[in-house]
Protein backbone atom coordinates (compact mmCIF):
# COMPACT_ATOMS: atom_id res chain seq x y z
CA MET A 1 -53.20 -22.48 29.44
CA GLU A 2 -51.00 -22.26 26.40
CA ASP A 3 -47.71 -24.17 26.31
CA LYS A 4 -44.89 -22.23 24.73
CA LYS A 5 -41.94 -23.97 23.22
CA VAL A 6 -38.62 -22.32 23.78
CA ILE A 7 -36.25 -22.83 20.90
CA LYS A 8 -32.65 -22.20 21.80
CA SER A 9 -30.29 -21.42 18.98
CA LYS A 10 -26.75 -22.61 19.30
CA THR A 11 -24.27 -19.97 20.29
CA GLN A 12 -21.10 -19.03 18.51
CA ASN A 13 -18.06 -17.87 20.47
CA ILE A 14 -14.60 -16.75 19.44
CA PHE A 15 -11.61 -16.79 21.77
CA ILE A 16 -8.31 -15.32 20.58
CA GLU A 17 -5.15 -15.80 22.63
CA GLY A 18 -2.38 -13.32 21.81
CA ARG A 19 -3.33 -13.25 18.09
CA GLU A 20 -1.67 -16.67 17.77
CA LYS A 21 -4.37 -19.13 18.87
CA MET A 22 -8.08 -19.07 18.15
CA THR A 23 -10.85 -21.30 19.48
CA LEU A 24 -14.30 -21.13 17.92
CA THR A 25 -17.59 -22.74 18.85
CA GLY A 26 -20.73 -22.91 16.74
CA VAL A 27 -18.87 -23.94 13.58
CA LYS A 28 -21.07 -25.75 11.05
CA ASP A 29 -18.58 -26.25 8.22
CA VAL A 30 -15.21 -25.15 6.85
CA SER A 31 -15.77 -24.01 3.27
CA SER A 32 -12.11 -23.50 2.39
CA PHE A 33 -8.77 -22.87 4.00
CA ASP A 34 -5.13 -22.21 3.29
CA GLU A 35 -2.34 -20.68 5.37
CA ASN A 36 -3.65 -17.13 4.80
CA THR A 37 -7.47 -17.47 4.82
CA ILE A 38 -10.00 -19.73 6.51
CA ILE A 39 -13.65 -19.48 5.43
CA LEU A 40 -16.26 -20.93 7.79
CA ASP A 41 -20.00 -21.35 8.09
CA THR A 42 -21.03 -20.69 11.72
CA GLU A 43 -24.26 -20.45 13.68
CA MET A 44 -24.05 -16.66 13.21
CA GLY A 45 -23.33 -16.71 9.46
CA GLY A 46 -20.25 -16.85 7.31
CA LEU A 47 -16.89 -15.99 8.88
CA VAL A 48 -13.63 -15.14 7.12
CA ILE A 49 -10.42 -15.35 9.16
CA LYS A 50 -7.28 -13.85 7.65
CA GLY A 51 -3.74 -14.28 8.88
CA THR A 52 -0.39 -15.83 8.12
CA ASN A 53 0.95 -19.34 8.69
CA MET A 54 -2.47 -20.46 9.91
CA HIS A 55 -3.37 -24.10 10.28
CA ILE A 56 -6.31 -25.97 11.74
CA ASN A 57 -5.31 -28.05 14.76
CA LYS A 58 -8.71 -29.51 15.57
CA LEU A 59 -12.08 -29.54 13.87
CA ASN A 60 -15.16 -31.27 15.22
CA VAL A 61 -18.27 -30.29 13.30
CA ASP A 62 -20.41 -32.59 15.45
CA ASP A 63 -19.61 -30.39 18.48
CA GLY A 64 -18.99 -27.26 16.41
CA ASN A 65 -15.48 -26.70 17.79
CA LEU A 66 -12.46 -25.45 15.84
CA ASN A 67 -8.90 -24.64 16.97
CA ILE A 68 -6.59 -22.56 14.79
CA GLU A 69 -2.95 -21.57 15.23
CA GLY A 70 -1.03 -18.89 13.33
CA PHE A 71 -0.85 -15.11 13.28
CA ILE A 72 -4.42 -13.77 13.14
CA ILE A 73 -4.90 -10.48 11.29
CA SER A 74 -8.69 -10.19 11.00
CA CYS A 75 -12.04 -11.88 11.46
CA SER A 76 -15.09 -10.66 9.60
CA TYR A 77 -18.61 -11.97 9.31
CA THR A 78 -20.36 -12.20 5.99
CA GLU A 79 -24.07 -11.58 5.83
CA LYS A 80 -24.94 -15.06 4.61
CA SER A 81 -23.73 -18.61 4.87
CA THR A 82 -20.56 -19.52 2.98
CA SER A 83 -21.62 -23.09 2.24
CA LYS A 84 -21.65 -24.21 -1.37
CA LYS A 85 -25.34 -25.11 -1.32
CA ASN A 86 -26.18 -21.40 -1.02
CA GLY A 87 -23.94 -20.37 -3.90
CA SER A 88 -20.26 -19.59 -4.02
CA PHE A 89 -18.53 -17.59 -1.35
CA LEU A 90 -17.67 -14.81 -3.79
CA SER A 91 -21.26 -14.52 -4.95
CA SER A 92 -22.37 -13.99 -1.35
CA ILE A 93 -19.86 -11.14 -0.92
CA PHE A 94 -20.55 -9.35 -4.21
CA LYS A 95 -24.35 -9.28 -4.11
């Protein structure tokens, strides 16, 4: 009988509370951030969060958890990772 290995990929979840608080799981790295844009590398690919007066309250890359506060305008996934080892963030958008 053949033994099959089951490989579970980590999940990535986003919880937004009233467009003012965001909790993410599955975060690998924060590529860059300021009060208007946060660029992340997640288990599901690159993620760009846009808003105003945003700040990171808690980041734990060992657990993959991130908490953000501020007014959230949009979240959009990029096709590829945003980490620097795969090229710049702009190069991944404009391919």
